[in-house]
Amino acid sequence: MTMNQCYTFTHKRFTRIINSIGDFLTSLTLMCVNVTGKLLDHCLSKCPVLERSHVEHSLSLVRLKIYSLSLQLKYLHILNYSQIKSIEIFAPNLEYFGFVGSRIELSVNYAPHLLDVLVGGIYFSPMSYLFCPLSSYLSQLQCLKLDICHCNYFVIFQSELEYPELK
C-alpha cells in the first residue's frame, strides 16, 4: 500500500467534519485514510460519545496518544503494518484493544475495564514486546487473541501460560 492508494484529509477539512458531527458520533472507522495521531486525538477530544474506533492502513499514523478521563471509548482497533511507531493509552472505559502490525512501543497506562485484547503481527517479529505493557491487565482479561501471520498462512499459537479467566 502506498500513500497514493489512501485518501488524505487535510487537517482543516478533517477537523471541520469532526467539529460538525462529533457530538453525535458513536463509531469511527477509517480504512485507507491517512490521518495523523494529532488528528485522531482531536477527533477523540471532540467526540464525547465515541465508543468505537477502528483505524486500518493509515500511512500517516506514526504516534497515537489516547489520554482522557472523560473518554467514552470502549473499542480501539489499529491495523497498520507500515509507519506506526508508538501507541500510548490512558482510557478509563476501554474494554477492547486490538493491534495488528509491526513492532511498536506500547504503553497502557490506565485501562481498568480492559477485558478483550487482540495482538498480532508477522510471525518472524517477536510478539513478547506487547505483553509487558499489558501484563498488569492479564488477570482481568476474559479474552486474549493472538493473530500471528506467517506470509500468507496463519500460524496457530498455543500459549503455555495458564489464565483460567480467559475464554
C-alpha atoms as a PDB file:
ATOM      1  CA  MET A   1       0.000   0.000   0.000  1.00  0.00           C
ATOM      2  CA  THR A   2       1.353   3.410  -0.941  1.00  0.00           C
ATOM      3  CA  MET A   3       0.418   6.924   0.116  1.00  0.00           C
ATOM      4  CA  ASN A   4      -1.317   7.405  -3.252  1.00  0.00           C
ATOM      5  CA  GLN A   5      -3.637   4.472  -2.588  1.00  0.00           C
ATOM      6  CA  CYS A   6      -5.016   6.102   0.563  1.00  0.00           C
ATOM      7  CA  TYR A   7      -7.207   9.159   0.920  1.00  0.00           C
ATOM      8  CA  THR A   8      -5.568  12.029   2.805  1.00  0.00           C
ATOM      9  CA  PHE A   9      -7.625  14.558   4.743  1.00  0.00           C
ATOM     10  CA  THR A  10      -6.197  17.988   5.306  1.00  0.00           C
ATOM     11  CA  HIS A  11      -6.130  18.918   8.983  1.00  0.00           C
ATOM     12  CA  LYS A  12      -8.581  21.747   8.371  1.00  0.00           C
ATOM     13  CA  ARG A  13     -11.110  19.600   6.488  1.00  0.00           C
ATOM     14  CA  PHE A  14     -10.981  16.694   8.942  1.00  0.00           C
ATOM     15  CA  THR A  15     -11.423  18.969  11.972  1.00  0.00           C
ATOM     16  CA  ARG A  16     -14.326  20.761  10.261  1.00  0.00           C
ATOM     17  CA  ILE A  17     -16.093  17.419   9.671  1.00  0.00           C
ATOM     18  CA  ILE A  18     -15.459  16.181  13.214  1.00  0.00           C
ATOM     19  CA  ASN A  19     -16.499  19.503  14.755  1.00  0.00           C
ATOM     20  CA  SER A  20     -19.835  19.348  12.905  1.00  0.00           C
ATOM     21  CA  ILE A  21     -20.750  15.729  13.773  1.00  0.00           C
ATOM     22  CA  GLY A  22     -18.616  14.998  16.837  1.00  0.00           C
ATOM     23  CA  ASP A  23     -21.375  15.446  19.421  1.00  0.00           C
ATOM     24  CA  PHE A  24     -23.333  12.553  17.862  1.00  0.00           C
ATOM     25  CA  LEU A  25     -20.606  10.243  16.556  1.00  0.00           C
ATOM     26  CA  THR A  26     -20.501   6.884  18.372  1.00  0.00           C
ATOM     27  CA  SER A  27     -18.317   4.910  15.952  1.00  0.00           C
ATOM     28  CA  LEU A  28     -15.472   5.884  13.646  1.00  0.00           C
ATOM     29  CA  THR A  29     -13.874   3.557  11.089  1.00  0.00           C
ATOM     30  CA  LEU A  30     -11.041   4.843   8.923  1.00  0.00           C
ATOM     31  CA  MET A  31      -9.779   2.385   6.311  1.00  0.00           C
ATOM     32  CA  CYS A  32      -7.076   3.507   3.892  1.00  0.00           C
ATOM     33  CA  VAL A  33      -7.481   7.060   5.141  1.00  0.00           C
ATOM     34  CA  ASN A  34      -4.303   8.896   6.081  1.00  0.00           C
ATOM     35  CA  VAL A  35      -4.713  10.607   9.429  1.00  0.00           C
ATOM     36  CA  THR A  36      -2.060  11.585  11.928  1.00  0.00           C
ATOM     37  CA  GLY A  37      -2.108  10.830  15.632  1.00  0.00           C
ATOM     38  CA  LYS A  38      -2.763  14.515  16.222  1.00  0.00           C
ATOM     39  CA  LEU A  39      -5.909  14.379  14.074  1.00  0.00           C
ATOM     40  CA  LEU A  40      -7.161  11.240  15.821  1.00  0.00           C
ATOM     41  CA  ASP A  41      -6.509  12.848  19.189  1.00  0.00           C
ATOM     42  CA  HIS A  42      -8.526  15.887  18.089  1.00  0.00           C
ATOM     43  CA  CYS A  43     -11.314  13.581  16.960  1.00  0.00           C
ATOM     44  CA  LEU A  44     -11.423  11.790  20.307  1.00  0.00           C
ATOM     45  CA  SER A  45     -11.484  15.078  22.210  1.00  0.00           C
ATOM     46  CA  LYS A  46     -14.374  16.423  20.091  1.00  0.00           C
ATOM     47  CA  CYS A  47     -16.487  13.246  20.154  1.00  0.00           C
ATOM     48  CA  PRO A  48     -17.801  12.880  23.715  1.00  0.00           C
ATOM     49  CA  VAL A  49     -19.953   9.808  22.941  1.00  0.00           C
ATOM     50  CA  LEU A  50     -17.499   7.984  20.655  1.00  0.00           C
ATOM     51  CA  GLU A  51     -17.301   4.358  21.793  1.00  0.00           C
ATOM     52  CA  ARG A  52     -15.648   2.590  18.838  1.00  0.00           C
ATOM     53  CA  SER A  53     -12.640   3.485  16.739  1.00  0.00           C
ATOM     54  CA  HIS A  54     -11.103   1.303  14.037  1.00  0.00           C
ATOM     55  CA  VAL A  55      -8.135   2.556  12.022  1.00  0.00           C
ATOM     56  CA  GLU A  56      -6.712   0.441   9.232  1.00  0.00           C
ATOM     57  CA  HIS A  57      -3.801   1.176   6.881  1.00  0.00           C
ATOM     58  CA  SER A  58      -3.221   4.823   7.704  1.00  0.00           C
ATOM     59  CA  LEU A  59       0.244   5.583   6.398  1.00  0.00           C
ATOM     60  CA  SER A  60       0.353   8.938   8.211  1.00  0.00           C
ATOM     61  CA  LEU A  61      -0.282   7.442  11.640  1.00  0.00           C
ATOM     62  CA  VAL A  62       3.093   7.327  13.409  1.00  0.00           C
ATOM     63  CA  ARG A  63       2.297   8.072  17.063  1.00  0.00           C
ATOM     64  CA  LEU A  64      -1.059   7.695  18.748  1.00  0.00           C
ATOM     65  CA  LYS A  65      -1.699   9.039  22.233  1.00  0.00           C
ATOM     66  CA  ILE A  66      -5.111   8.393  23.734  1.00  0.00           C
ATOM     67  CA  TYR A  67      -5.456  10.239  27.010  1.00  0.00           C
ATOM     68  CA  SER A  68      -8.662  11.417  28.616  1.00  0.00           C
ATOM     69  CA  LEU A  69     -10.503  10.788  31.866  1.00  0.00           C
ATOM     70  CA  SER A  70     -13.860  11.556  30.257  1.00  0.00           C
ATOM     71  CA  LEU A  71     -13.264   9.427  27.169  1.00  0.00           C
ATOM     72  CA  GLN A  72     -16.141   7.025  26.445  1.00  0.00           C
ATOM     73  CA  LEU A  73     -14.042   4.907  24.058  1.00  0.00           C
ATOM     74  CA  LYS A  74     -14.669   1.199  24.693  1.00  0.00           C
ATOM     75  CA  TYR A  75     -13.256  -0.323  21.495  1.00  0.00           C
ATOM     76  CA  LEU A  76      -9.951   0.539  19.817  1.00  0.00           C
ATOM     77  CA  HIS A  77      -8.547  -1.485  16.945  1.00  0.00           C
ATOM     78  CA  ILE A  78      -5.445  -0.497  14.967  1.00  0.00           C
ATOM     79  CA  LEU A  79      -4.336  -2.486  11.925  1.00  0.00           C
ATOM     80  CA  ASN A  80      -1.190  -0.969  10.489  1.00  0.00           C
ATOM     81  CA  TYR A  81       1.954  -2.610   9.150  1.00  0.00           C
ATOM     82  CA  SER A  82       3.722   0.497   7.984  1.00  0.00           C
ATOM     83  CA  GLN A  83       4.622   3.709   9.792  1.00  0.00           C
ATOM     84  CA  ILE A  84       3.222   3.436  13.319  1.00  0.00           C
ATOM     85  CA  LYS A  85       5.924   3.592  15.995  1.00  0.00           C
ATOM     86  CA  SER A  86       4.064   4.036  19.291  1.00  0.00           C
ATOM     87  CA  ILE A  87       0.674   3.848  20.983  1.00  0.00           C
ATOM     88  CA  GLU A  88       0.031   5.280  24.438  1.00  0.00           C
ATOM     89  CA  ILE A  89      -3.284   4.546  26.139  1.00  0.00           C
ATOM     90  CA  PHE A  90      -4.989   6.175  29.106  1.00  0.00           C
ATOM     91  CA  ALA A  91      -8.644   5.236  28.596  1.00  0.00           C
ATOM     92  CA  PRO A  92     -10.784   4.518  31.658  1.00  0.00           C
ATOM     93  CA  ASN A  93     -13.660   2.901  29.719  1.00  0.00           C
ATOM     94  CA  LEU A  94     -11.648   0.838  27.229  1.00  0.00           C
ATOM     95  CA  GLU A  95     -12.886  -2.774  27.110  1.00  0.00           C
ATOM     96  CA  TYR A  96     -11.286  -3.943  23.845  1.00  0.00           C
ATOM     97  CA  PHE A  97      -7.861  -3.162  22.430  1.00  0.00           C
ATOM     98  CA  GLY A  98      -6.601  -4.685  19.207  1.00  0.00           C
ATOM     99  CA  PHE A  99      -3.338  -4.077  17.446  1.00  0.00           C
ATOM    100  CA  VAL A 100      -2.025  -5.951  14.431  1.00  0.00           C
ATOM    101  CA  GLY A 101       1.137  -4.650  12.858  1.00  0.00           C
ATOM    102  CA  SER A 102       4.875  -4.289  13.083  1.00  0.00           C
ATOM    103  CA  ARG A 103       6.813  -3.895  16.311  1.00  0.00           C
ATOM    104  CA  ILE A 104       5.824  -0.724  18.208  1.00  0.00           C
ATOM    105  CA  GLU A 105       6.340   0.914  21.552  1.00  0.00           C
ATOM    106  CA  LEU A 106       3.138   0.267  23.500  1.00  0.00           C
ATOM    107  CA  SER A 107       2.207   1.892  26.784  1.00  0.00           C
ATOM    108  CA  VAL A 108      -1.063   1.040  28.516  1.00  0.00           C
ATOM    109  CA  ASN A 109      -1.084   3.422  31.464  1.00  0.00           C
ATOM    110  CA  TYR A 110      -4.703   3.137  32.554  1.00  0.00           C
ATOM    111  CA  ALA A 111      -7.398   0.799  31.259  1.00  0.00           C
ATOM    112  CA  PRO A 112      -9.198  -0.622  34.316  1.00  0.00           C
ATOM    113  CA  HIS A 113     -12.066  -2.130  32.284  1.00  0.00           C
ATOM    114  CA  LEU A 114      -9.927  -3.866  29.661  1.00  0.00           C
ATOM    115  CA  LEU A 115     -11.404  -7.341  29.059  1.00  0.00           C
ATOM    116  CA  ASP A 116     -10.566  -8.287  25.489  1.00  0.00           C
ATOM    117  CA  VAL A 117      -7.190  -7.984  23.730  1.00  0.00           C
ATOM    118  CA  LEU A 118      -6.096  -8.930  20.233  1.00  0.00           C
ATOM    119  CA  VAL A 119      -2.428  -8.635  19.339  1.00  0.00           C
ATOM    120  CA  GLY A 120      -0.814  -9.771  16.163  1.00  0.00           C
ATOM    121  CA  GLY A 121       1.802  -9.320  13.579  1.00  0.00           C
ATOM    122  CA  ILE A 122       4.129 -11.141  11.283  1.00  0.00           C
ATOM    123  CA  TYR A 123       5.474 -14.475  12.525  1.00  0.00           C
ATOM    124  CA  PHE A 124       9.152 -13.524  12.392  1.00  0.00           C
ATOM    125  CA  SER A 125       8.580 -10.429  14.536  1.00  0.00           C
ATOM    126  CA  PRO A 126       8.528 -11.493  18.221  1.00  0.00           C
ATOM    127  CA  MET A 127       5.255 -10.648  19.973  1.00  0.00           C
ATOM    128  CA  SER A 128       6.671 -10.713  23.507  1.00  0.00           C
ATOM    129  CA  TYR A 129       7.256  -6.939  23.456  1.00  0.00           C
ATOM    130  CA  LEU A 130       3.481  -6.412  23.620  1.00  0.00           C
ATOM    131  CA  PHE A 131       2.954  -8.489  26.753  1.00  0.00           C
ATOM    132  CA  CYS A 132       4.954  -6.344  29.188  1.00  0.00           C
ATOM    133  CA  PRO A 133       2.736  -3.264  28.681  1.00  0.00           C
ATOM    134  CA  LEU A 134      -0.341  -5.498  29.029  1.00  0.00           C
ATOM    135  CA  SER A 135       0.967  -7.612  31.932  1.00  0.00           C
ATOM    136  CA  SER A 136      -0.880  -5.726  34.672  1.00  0.00           C
ATOM    137  CA  TYR A 137      -4.183  -6.412  32.857  1.00  0.00           C
ATOM    138  CA  LEU A 138      -3.741 -10.128  32.090  1.00  0.00           C
ATOM    139  CA  SER A 139      -5.530 -11.278  35.256  1.00  0.00           C
ATOM    140  CA  GLN A 140      -8.705  -9.347  34.340  1.00  0.00           C
ATOM    141  CA  LEU A 141      -8.852 -10.370  30.673  1.00  0.00           C
ATOM    142  CA  GLN A 142     -11.696 -12.557  29.514  1.00  0.00           C
ATOM    143  CA  CYS A 143     -10.330 -12.995  26.009  1.00  0.00           C
ATOM    144  CA  LEU A 144      -6.797 -12.856  24.635  1.00  0.00           C
ATOM    145  CA  LYS A 145      -6.376 -13.417  20.896  1.00  0.00           C
ATOM    146  CA  LEU A 146      -3.086 -13.804  19.077  1.00  0.00           C
ATOM    147  CA  ASP A 147      -3.195 -13.186  15.329  1.00  0.00           C
ATOM    148  CA  ILE A 148       0.190 -14.266  14.056  1.00  0.00           C
ATOM    149  CA  CYS A 149       0.612 -14.309  10.301  1.00  0.00           C
ATOM    150  CA  HIS A 150       3.336 -16.246   8.506  1.00  0.00           C
ATOM    151  CA  CYS A 151       3.481 -14.900   4.969  1.00  0.00           C
ATOM    152  CA  ASN A 152       0.018 -15.843   3.658  1.00  0.00           C
ATOM    153  CA  TYR A 153      -0.603 -18.567   6.218  1.00  0.00           C
ATOM    154  CA  PHE A 154      -1.894 -18.156   9.742  1.00  0.00           C
ATOM    155  CA  VAL A 155       0.085 -19.958  12.409  1.00  0.00           C
ATOM    156  CA  ILE A 156      -1.815 -21.446  15.295  1.00  0.00           C
ATOM    157  CA  PHE A 157      -0.162 -20.392  18.527  1.00  0.00           C
ATOM    158  CA  GLN A 158      -0.849 -22.074  21.828  1.00  0.00           C
ATOM    159  CA  SER A 159       0.460 -20.424  24.951  1.00  0.00           C
ATOM    160  CA  GLU A 160       1.894 -22.418  27.816  1.00  0.00           C
ATOM    161  CA  LEU A 161       0.676 -19.712  30.191  1.00  0.00           C
ATOM    162  CA  GLU A 162      -2.476 -20.522  32.082  1.00  0.00           C
ATOM    163  CA  TYR A 163      -5.110 -17.868  32.670  1.00  0.00           C
ATOM    164  CA  PRO A 164      -8.327 -19.527  33.897  1.00  0.00           C
ATOM    165  CA  GLU A 165     -10.306 -16.293  33.442  1.00  0.00           C
ATOM    166  CA  LEU A 166      -9.727 -16.338  29.687  1.00  0.00           C
ATOM    167  CA  LYS A 167     -12.454 -17.776  27.491  1.00  0.00           C
END
